[in-house]
Amino acid sequence: MTQSRPLEGRVALVTGASRGIGYSVALALAEAGAHVIATARTQGGLEELDDAIRAGGGSATLVPMDLASADGIEKLAEAVGQRWGKLDILIANAGALGSLTPAAQIPSKVWNEVLAVNLIAPGRLIRAFEALLKASDAGRAVFTTSGVGARRAPAYWAAYAASKAGLEALVMSWSRELADTPVRVNLLNPGRVRTRMRAKAVPGEDPQSLPHPDEIAGDFITLCLPGETRHGQVVQAGTAVSEG
């Protein structure tokens, strides 16, 4: 391990890796030396990521998958266990916005989609990968959250806000269960970032006024370092200064 490649030899899983924040974080992890297991629904985006990782001298395994599928997460965990016997880093980044509409008008299909991706899938990732994270000498899990949640739930954001509030409760509870292990678990709020989801949520906003996902990827990397000590926190992008 070198200072320029502090994650050399480590295995990292990134969900929602085909674009936006997930893409940038996966690329940054590879540049830091990790082998990246990249999963998303969009095959083309994953292939572009793979090309970018290989161009930088890194390595990746692509897993096109819908996190809401019946047993995809569990089969992936089984495959990771058979090949590597551990997982050093889990980045649970995939997210669904749903539709911004009055709470009384949200159809069941939207509720099911948003909760499946934003809350139930992270719960399944925890169940499937906890043992593999514990098998690492310094397992790290980072969940992408939002300023929209229990603390701030704007009108018309009910489904998304409820899912993120639930995610934070889930991760905080799990972090306390892991207090006496080497695994460190945190949530990261990237803030306003130039992504497709942001453009859909705030269509009148100038995207060029927002930070590019590459600009906040380093915050994720910091929380994945073996020397990182923070645990059970909601970390705001821009404050994740390296501690080790």
C-alpha atoms as a PDB file:
ATOM      1  CA  MET A   1       0.000   0.000   0.000  1.00  0.00           C
ATOM      2  CA  THR A   2       1.301   3.437  -0.942  1.00  0.00           C
ATOM      3  CA  GLN A   3       0.129   6.929  -0.114  1.00  0.00           C
ATOM      4  CA  SER A   4      -1.097   7.379  -3.681  1.00  0.00           C
ATOM      5  CA  ARG A   5      -2.872   3.984  -3.651  1.00  0.00           C
ATOM      6  CA  PRO A   6      -4.085   3.642  -0.039  1.00  0.00           C
ATOM      7  CA  LEU A   7      -6.650   0.961  -0.942  1.00  0.00           C
ATOM      8  CA  GLU A   8      -4.230  -1.332  -2.771  1.00  0.00           C
ATOM      9  CA  GLY A   9      -5.414  -4.944  -2.640  1.00  0.00           C
ATOM     10  CA  ARG A  10      -8.826  -4.150  -1.176  1.00  0.00           C
ATOM     11  CA  VAL A  11     -12.145  -5.265  -2.676  1.00  0.00           C
ATOM     12  CA  ALA A  12     -14.935  -2.697  -3.023  1.00  0.00           C
ATOM     13  CA  LEU A  13     -18.565  -3.057  -4.090  1.00  0.00           C
ATOM     14  CA  VAL A  14     -20.377   0.000  -5.482  1.00  0.00           C
ATOM     15  CA  THR A  15     -24.083   0.057  -6.290  1.00  0.00           C
ATOM     16  CA  GLY A  16     -25.486   2.561  -8.774  1.00  0.00           C
ATOM     17  CA  ALA A  17     -22.077   2.689 -10.443  1.00  0.00           C
ATOM     18  CA  SER A  18     -23.097   3.357 -14.045  1.00  0.00           C
ATOM     19  CA  ARG A  19     -23.371   7.153 -13.709  1.00  0.00           C
ATOM     20  CA  GLY A  20     -23.311  10.116 -11.373  1.00  0.00           C
ATOM     21  CA  ILE A  21     -21.898   9.770  -7.890  1.00  0.00           C
ATOM     22  CA  GLY A  22     -21.563   5.991  -8.094  1.00  0.00           C
ATOM     23  CA  TYR A  23     -19.521   6.216 -11.289  1.00  0.00           C
ATOM     24  CA  SER A  24     -17.159   8.815  -9.822  1.00  0.00           C
ATOM     25  CA  VAL A  25     -16.739   6.924  -6.546  1.00  0.00           C
ATOM     26  CA  ALA A  26     -16.066   3.636  -8.333  1.00  0.00           C
ATOM     27  CA  LEU A  27     -13.421   5.314 -10.487  1.00  0.00           C
ATOM     28  CA  ALA A  28     -11.822   6.964  -7.439  1.00  0.00           C
ATOM     29  CA  LEU A  29     -11.748   3.649  -5.568  1.00  0.00           C
ATOM     30  CA  ALA A  30      -9.973   2.007  -8.502  1.00  0.00           C
ATOM     31  CA  GLU A  31      -7.493   4.870  -8.711  1.00  0.00           C
ATOM     32  CA  ALA A  32      -6.807   4.351  -4.988  1.00  0.00           C
ATOM     33  CA  GLY A  33      -5.921   0.720  -5.701  1.00  0.00           C
ATOM     34  CA  ALA A  34      -9.130  -1.174  -4.918  1.00  0.00           C
ATOM     35  CA  HIS A  35     -10.596  -3.849  -7.168  1.00  0.00           C
ATOM     36  CA  VAL A  36     -14.109  -2.527  -7.862  1.00  0.00           C
ATOM     37  CA  ILE A  37     -17.199  -4.673  -8.158  1.00  0.00           C
ATOM     38  CA  ALA A  38     -19.519  -2.297 -10.006  1.00  0.00           C
ATOM     39  CA  THR A  39     -23.223  -2.946 -10.172  1.00  0.00           C
ATOM     40  CA  ALA A  40     -26.059  -1.050 -11.850  1.00  0.00           C
ATOM     41  CA  ARG A  41     -28.965  -1.671 -14.176  1.00  0.00           C
ATOM     42  CA  THR A  42     -27.360   0.108 -17.146  1.00  0.00           C
ATOM     43  CA  GLN A  43     -24.926  -2.157 -18.989  1.00  0.00           C
ATOM     44  CA  GLY A  44     -23.581   0.623 -21.222  1.00  0.00           C
ATOM     45  CA  GLY A  45     -22.681   2.853 -18.293  1.00  0.00           C
ATOM     46  CA  LEU A  46     -20.876  -0.009 -16.572  1.00  0.00           C
ATOM     47  CA  GLU A  47     -18.861  -0.712 -19.715  1.00  0.00           C
ATOM     48  CA  GLU A  48     -17.840   2.964 -19.937  1.00  0.00           C
ATOM     49  CA  LEU A  49     -16.766   2.788 -16.288  1.00  0.00           C
ATOM     50  CA  ASP A  50     -14.743  -0.343 -16.954  1.00  0.00           C
ATOM     51  CA  ASP A  51     -12.956   1.356 -19.845  1.00  0.00           C
ATOM     52  CA  ALA A  52     -12.130   4.359 -17.648  1.00  0.00           C
ATOM     53  CA  ILE A  53     -10.881   2.172 -14.795  1.00  0.00           C
ATOM     54  CA  ARG A  54      -8.684   0.084 -17.098  1.00  0.00           C
ATOM     55  CA  ALA A  55      -7.314   3.208 -18.782  1.00  0.00           C
ATOM     56  CA  GLY A  56      -6.116   4.302 -15.344  1.00  0.00           C
ATOM     57  CA  GLY A  57      -4.469   0.964 -14.631  1.00  0.00           C
ATOM     58  CA  GLY A  58      -7.204  -0.314 -12.327  1.00  0.00           C
ATOM     59  CA  SER A  59      -9.397  -3.400 -12.365  1.00  0.00           C
ATOM     60  CA  ALA A  60     -13.115  -4.012 -12.082  1.00  0.00           C
ATOM     61  CA  THR A  61     -15.774  -6.690 -12.165  1.00  0.00           C
ATOM     62  CA  LEU A  62     -19.051  -5.616 -13.779  1.00  0.00           C
ATOM     63  CA  VAL A  63     -22.367  -6.922 -12.446  1.00  0.00           C
ATOM     64  CA  PRO A  64     -25.423  -5.657 -14.363  1.00  0.00           C
ATOM     65  CA  MET A  65     -28.238  -6.082 -11.857  1.00  0.00           C
ATOM     66  CA  ASP A  66     -31.495  -4.622 -10.597  1.00  0.00           C
ATOM     67  CA  LEU A  67     -31.193  -4.313  -6.817  1.00  0.00           C
ATOM     68  CA  ALA A  68     -34.918  -4.938  -6.524  1.00  0.00           C
ATOM     69  CA  SER A  69     -34.652  -8.357  -8.180  1.00  0.00           C
ATOM     70  CA  ALA A  70     -35.686 -11.301  -6.044  1.00  0.00           C
ATOM     71  CA  ASP A  71     -32.272 -12.768  -5.218  1.00  0.00           C
ATOM     72  CA  GLY A  72     -29.632 -10.759  -7.118  1.00  0.00           C
ATOM     73  CA  ILE A  73     -28.006  -9.270  -4.010  1.00  0.00           C
ATOM     74  CA  GLU A  74     -27.817 -12.626  -2.271  1.00  0.00           C
ATOM     75  CA  LYS A  75     -26.310 -14.357  -5.320  1.00  0.00           C
ATOM     76  CA  LEU A  76     -23.752 -11.569  -5.650  1.00  0.00           C
ATOM     77  CA  ALA A  77     -22.714 -11.978  -2.015  1.00  0.00           C
ATOM     78  CA  GLU A  78     -22.294 -15.703  -2.567  1.00  0.00           C
ATOM     79  CA  ALA A  79     -20.095 -15.073  -5.610  1.00  0.00           C
ATOM     80  CA  VAL A  80     -17.966 -12.481  -3.770  1.00  0.00           C
ATOM     81  CA  GLY A  81     -17.516 -14.882  -0.870  1.00  0.00           C
ATOM     82  CA  GLN A  82     -16.423 -17.693  -3.159  1.00  0.00           C
ATOM     83  CA  ARG A  83     -13.931 -15.548  -5.087  1.00  0.00           C
ATOM     84  CA  TRP A  84     -12.466 -13.280  -2.396  1.00  0.00           C
ATOM     85  CA  GLY A  85     -13.716 -14.610   0.940  1.00  0.00           C
ATOM     86  CA  LYS A  86     -14.261 -11.052   2.172  1.00  0.00           C
ATOM     87  CA  LEU A  87     -15.500  -7.587   1.249  1.00  0.00           C
ATOM     88  CA  ASP A  88     -13.428  -4.622   2.389  1.00  0.00           C
ATOM     89  CA  ILE A  89     -15.666  -1.792   1.193  1.00  0.00           C
ATOM     90  CA  LEU A  90     -19.400  -1.471   0.541  1.00  0.00           C
ATOM     91  CA  ILE A  91     -20.708   1.705  -1.106  1.00  0.00           C
ATOM     92  CA  ALA A  92     -24.524   1.594  -1.114  1.00  0.00           C
ATOM     93  CA  ASN A  93     -25.187   4.459  -3.492  1.00  0.00           C
ATOM     94  CA  ALA A  94     -28.027   3.437  -5.819  1.00  0.00           C
ATOM     95  CA  GLY A  95     -31.099   5.580  -5.355  1.00  0.00           C
ATOM     96  CA  ALA A  96     -34.555   6.244  -6.784  1.00  0.00           C
ATOM     97  CA  LEU A  97     -36.302   9.615  -6.661  1.00  0.00           C
ATOM     98  CA  GLY A  98     -39.782   8.463  -7.567  1.00  0.00           C
ATOM     99  CA  SER A  99     -42.140  11.327  -8.410  1.00  0.00           C
ATOM    100  CA  LEU A 100     -42.503  14.627  -6.577  1.00  0.00           C
ATOM    101  CA  THR A 101     -46.208  14.672  -5.873  1.00  0.00           C
ATOM    102  CA  PRO A 102     -48.623  15.178  -2.953  1.00  0.00           C
ATOM    103  CA  ALA A 103     -48.377  12.356  -0.431  1.00  0.00           C
ATOM    104  CA  ALA A 104     -52.039  11.516  -0.888  1.00  0.00           C
ATOM    105  CA  GLN A 105     -51.494  10.977  -4.612  1.00  0.00           C
ATOM    106  CA  ILE A 106     -48.410   8.719  -4.572  1.00  0.00           C
ATOM    107  CA  PRO A 107     -49.309   5.469  -6.358  1.00  0.00           C
ATOM    108  CA  SER A 108     -48.314   2.113  -4.910  1.00  0.00           C
ATOM    109  CA  LYS A 109     -45.914   1.515  -7.806  1.00  0.00           C
ATOM    110  CA  VAL A 110     -43.871   4.595  -6.853  1.00  0.00           C
ATOM    111  CA  TRP A 111     -43.834   3.681  -3.161  1.00  0.00           C
ATOM    112  CA  ASN A 112     -42.694   0.172  -4.015  1.00  0.00           C
ATOM    113  CA  GLU A 113     -39.906   1.371  -6.315  1.00  0.00           C
ATOM    114  CA  VAL A 114     -38.530   4.062  -4.005  1.00  0.00           C
ATOM    115  CA  LEU A 115     -38.595   1.919  -0.876  1.00  0.00           C
ATOM    116  CA  ALA A 116     -37.216  -1.113  -2.711  1.00  0.00           C
ATOM    117  CA  VAL A 117     -34.134   0.752  -3.947  1.00  0.00           C
ATOM    118  CA  ASN A 118     -33.532   3.286  -1.160  1.00  0.00           C
ATOM    119  CA  LEU A 119     -34.372   1.238   1.924  1.00  0.00           C
ATOM    120  CA  ILE A 120     -35.043  -2.453   1.335  1.00  0.00           C
ATOM    121  CA  ALA A 121     -32.011  -3.003  -0.928  1.00  0.00           C
ATOM    122  CA  PRO A 122     -29.608  -1.502   1.667  1.00  0.00           C
ATOM    123  CA  GLY A 123     -31.181  -3.789   4.260  1.00  0.00           C
ATOM    124  CA  ARG A 124     -30.597  -6.784   2.012  1.00  0.00           C
ATOM    125  CA  LEU A 125     -27.024  -5.644   1.349  1.00  0.00           C
ATOM    126  CA  ILE A 126     -26.433  -5.553   5.105  1.00  0.00           C
ATOM    127  CA  ARG A 127     -27.838  -9.033   5.557  1.00  0.00           C
ATOM    128  CA  ALA A 128     -25.938 -10.475   2.593  1.00  0.00           C
ATOM    129  CA  PHE A 129     -22.551  -8.821   3.156  1.00  0.00           C
ATOM    130  CA  GLU A 130     -22.163  -8.376   6.919  1.00  0.00           C
ATOM    131  CA  ALA A 131     -20.189 -11.604   7.345  1.00  0.00           C
ATOM    132  CA  LEU A 132     -17.889 -10.702   4.434  1.00  0.00           C
ATOM    133  CA  LEU A 133     -17.268  -7.209   5.853  1.00  0.00           C
ATOM    134  CA  LYS A 134     -16.424  -8.806   9.191  1.00  0.00           C
ATOM    135  CA  ALA A 135     -13.978 -11.102   7.381  1.00  0.00           C
ATOM    136  CA  SER A 136     -11.992  -8.000   6.340  1.00  0.00           C
ATOM    137  CA  ASP A 137      -9.373  -6.592   8.683  1.00  0.00           C
ATOM    138  CA  ALA A 138     -11.039  -3.182   8.302  1.00  0.00           C
ATOM    139  CA  GLY A 139     -14.468  -3.479   6.700  1.00  0.00           C
ATOM    140  CA  ARG A 140     -15.984  -0.162   5.676  1.00  0.00           C
ATOM    141  CA  ALA A 141     -19.578   0.581   4.603  1.00  0.00           C
ATOM    142  CA  VAL A 142     -20.788   3.955   3.341  1.00  0.00           C
ATOM    143  CA  PHE A 143     -24.435   4.674   2.491  1.00  0.00           C
ATOM    144  CA  THR A 144     -25.402   7.680   0.380  1.00  0.00           C
ATOM    145  CA  THR A 145     -28.073   9.704   2.144  1.00  0.00           C
ATOM    146  CA  SER A 146     -29.609  13.137   1.560  1.00  0.00           C
ATOM    147  CA  GLY A 147     -30.511  16.372   3.263  1.00  0.00           C
ATOM    148  CA  VAL A 148     -34.104  15.391   2.473  1.00  0.00           C
ATOM    149  CA  GLY A 149     -35.211  13.007   5.196  1.00  0.00           C
ATOM    150  CA  ALA A 150     -36.406  13.008   8.780  1.00  0.00           C
ATOM    151  CA  ARG A 151     -34.745  16.336   9.563  1.00  0.00           C
ATOM    152  CA  ARG A 152     -36.062  18.115   6.448  1.00  0.00           C
ATOM    153  CA  ALA A 153     -38.982  16.709   4.507  1.00  0.00           C
ATOM    154  CA  PRO A 154     -40.230  19.264   1.957  1.00  0.00           C
ATOM    155  CA  ALA A 155     -43.735  19.191   0.569  1.00  0.00           C
ATOM    156  CA  TYR A 156     -44.166  16.716  -2.307  1.00  0.00           C
ATOM    157  CA  TRP A 157     -41.045  14.723  -1.352  1.00  0.00           C
ATOM    158  CA  ALA A 158     -42.845  12.239   0.924  1.00  0.00           C
ATOM    159  CA  ALA A 159     -41.711   8.972  -0.678  1.00  0.00           C
ATOM    160  CA  TYR A 160     -38.064   9.948  -1.107  1.00  0.00           C
ATOM    161  CA  ALA A 161     -37.842  11.652   2.297  1.00  0.00           C
ATOM    162  CA  ALA A 162     -39.436   8.682   4.055  1.00  0.00           C
ATOM    163  CA  SER A 163     -37.039   6.270   2.370  1.00  0.00           C
ATOM    164  CA  LYS A 164     -33.967   8.302   3.386  1.00  0.00           C
ATOM    165  CA  ALA A 165     -35.243   8.716   6.964  1.00  0.00           C
ATOM    166  CA  GLY A 166     -35.675   4.954   7.089  1.00  0.00           C
ATOM    167  CA  LEU A 167     -32.214   4.406   5.610  1.00  0.00           C
ATOM    168  CA  GLU A 168     -30.597   6.540   8.284  1.00  0.00           C
ATOM    169  CA  ALA A 169     -32.440   4.683  11.051  1.00  0.00           C
ATOM    170  CA  LEU A 170     -31.411   1.351   9.524  1.00  0.00           C
ATOM    171  CA  VAL A 171     -27.742   2.267   9.232  1.00  0.00           C
ATOM    172  CA  MET A 172     -27.535   3.868  12.679  1.00  0.00           C
ATOM    173  CA  SER A 173     -29.065   0.788  14.289  1.00  0.00           C
ATOM    174  CA  TRP A 174     -26.699  -1.521  12.397  1.00  0.00           C
ATOM    175  CA  SER A 175     -23.693   0.596  13.339  1.00  0.00           C
ATOM    176  CA  ARG A 176     -24.476   0.106  17.028  1.00  0.00           C
ATOM    177  CA  GLU A 177     -24.646  -3.647  16.518  1.00  0.00           C
ATOM    178  CA  LEU A 178     -21.112  -3.491  15.076  1.00  0.00           C
ATOM    179  CA  ALA A 179     -19.619  -1.295  17.791  1.00  0.00           C
ATOM    180  CA  ASP A 180     -17.300  -4.054  19.056  1.00  0.00           C
ATOM    181  CA  THR A 181     -16.078  -5.129  15.599  1.00  0.00           C
ATOM    182  CA  PRO A 182     -13.460  -3.691  13.201  1.00  0.00           C
ATOM    183  CA  VAL A 183     -16.234  -2.709  10.757  1.00  0.00           C
ATOM    184  CA  ARG A 184     -16.962   1.011  10.450  1.00  0.00           C
ATOM    185  CA  VAL A 185     -20.309   2.171   9.043  1.00  0.00           C
ATOM    186  CA  ASN A 186     -21.339   5.705   8.101  1.00  0.00           C
ATOM    187  CA  LEU A 187     -23.765   7.685   5.972  1.00  0.00           C
ATOM    188  CA  LEU A 188     -22.544  10.388   3.630  1.00  0.00           C
ATOM    189  CA  ASN A 189     -24.678  13.308   2.472  1.00  0.00           C
ATOM    190  CA  PRO A 190     -23.142  14.591  -0.775  1.00  0.00           C
ATOM    191  CA  GLY A 191     -25.287  17.735  -0.805  1.00  0.00           C
ATOM    192  CA  ARG A 192     -26.261  19.358  -4.105  1.00  0.00           C
ATOM    193  CA  VAL A 193     -24.364  17.578  -6.901  1.00  0.00           C
ATOM    194  CA  ARG A 194     -24.620  17.653 -10.692  1.00  0.00           C
ATOM    195  CA  THR A 195     -26.476  14.379 -11.297  1.00  0.00           C
ATOM    196  CA  ARG A 196     -29.376  13.180 -13.415  1.00  0.00           C
ATOM    197  CA  MET A 197     -31.492  12.698 -10.287  1.00  0.00           C
ATOM    198  CA  ARG A 198     -30.820  16.274  -9.186  1.00  0.00           C
ATOM    199  CA  ALA A 199     -31.804  17.581 -12.622  1.00  0.00           C
ATOM    200  CA  LYS A 200     -35.064  15.639 -12.441  1.00  0.00           C
ATOM    201  CA  ALA A 201     -35.791  16.899  -8.935  1.00  0.00           C
ATOM    202  CA  VAL A 202     -34.925  20.560  -9.611  1.00  0.00           C
ATOM    203  CA  PRO A 203     -35.397  21.083 -13.360  1.00  0.00           C
ATOM    204  CA  GLY A 204     -34.981  24.865 -13.289  1.00  0.00           C
ATOM    205  CA  GLU A 205     -31.538  24.745 -11.701  1.00  0.00           C
ATOM    206  CA  ASP A 206     -28.385  25.437 -13.705  1.00  0.00           C
ATOM    207  CA  PRO A 207     -26.404  22.171 -13.450  1.00  0.00           C
ATOM    208  CA  GLN A 208     -23.150  23.994 -14.116  1.00  0.00           C
ATOM    209  CA  SER A 209     -23.623  25.811 -10.803  1.00  0.00           C
ATOM    210  CA  LEU A 210     -23.314  22.512  -8.929  1.00  0.00           C
ATOM    211  CA  PRO A 211     -20.210  20.469  -8.043  1.00  0.00           C
ATOM    212  CA  HIS A 212     -19.386  17.576 -10.364  1.00  0.00           C
ATOM    213  CA  PRO A 213     -19.600  14.127  -8.720  1.00  0.00           C
ATOM    214  CA  ASP A 214     -15.804  13.836  -9.077  1.00  0.00           C
ATOM    215  CA  GLU A 215     -15.469  16.693  -6.595  1.00  0.00           C
ATOM    216  CA  ILE A 216     -17.102  14.765  -3.749  1.00  0.00           C
ATOM    217  CA  ALA A 217     -15.797  11.269  -4.541  1.00  0.00           C
ATOM    218  CA  GLY A 218     -12.826  11.842  -2.253  1.00  0.00           C
ATOM    219  CA  ASP A 219     -15.147  12.108   0.748  1.00  0.00           C
ATOM    220  CA  PHE A 220     -16.270   8.533   0.132  1.00  0.00           C
ATOM    221  CA  ILE A 221     -12.660   7.375  -0.219  1.00  0.00           C
ATOM    222  CA  THR A 222     -11.738   8.934   3.119  1.00  0.00           C
ATOM    223  CA  LEU A 223     -14.488   7.008   4.903  1.00  0.00           C
ATOM    224  CA  CYS A 224     -13.201   3.776   3.315  1.00  0.00           C
ATOM    225  CA  LEU A 225      -9.610   4.040   4.520  1.00  0.00           C
ATOM    226  CA  PRO A 226      -8.446   1.293   6.913  1.00  0.00           C
ATOM    227  CA  GLY A 227      -7.411   3.950   9.415  1.00  0.00           C
ATOM    228  CA  GLU A 228     -10.788   5.725   9.444  1.00  0.00           C
ATOM    229  CA  THR A 229     -12.325   5.714  12.934  1.00  0.00           C
ATOM    230  CA  ARG A 230     -15.675   7.444  12.458  1.00  0.00           C
ATOM    231  CA  HIS A 231     -18.620   5.128  13.008  1.00  0.00           C
ATOM    232  CA  GLY A 232     -22.372   5.603  13.053  1.00  0.00           C
ATOM    233  CA  GLN A 233     -22.261   9.169  11.751  1.00  0.00           C
ATOM    234  CA  VAL A 234     -23.946  11.217   9.051  1.00  0.00           C
ATOM    235  CA  VAL A 235     -21.000  12.909   7.346  1.00  0.00           C
ATOM    236  CA  GLN A 236     -21.517  15.964   5.170  1.00  0.00           C
ATOM    237  CA  ALA A 237     -19.487  16.122   1.947  1.00  0.00           C
ATOM    238  CA  GLY A 238     -16.627  18.538   2.349  1.00  0.00           C
ATOM    239  CA  THR A 239     -16.060  17.593   5.987  1.00  0.00           C
ATOM    240  CA  ALA A 240     -14.678  14.071   5.523  1.00  0.00           C
ATOM    241  CA  VAL A 241     -11.068  15.101   6.203  1.00  0.00           C
ATOM    242  CA  SER A 242      -8.770  12.092   6.350  1.00  0.00           C
ATOM    243  CA  GLU A 243      -8.120  10.741   9.819  1.00  0.00           C
ATOM    244  CA  GLY A 244      -5.791   7.932   8.859  1.00  0.00           C
END
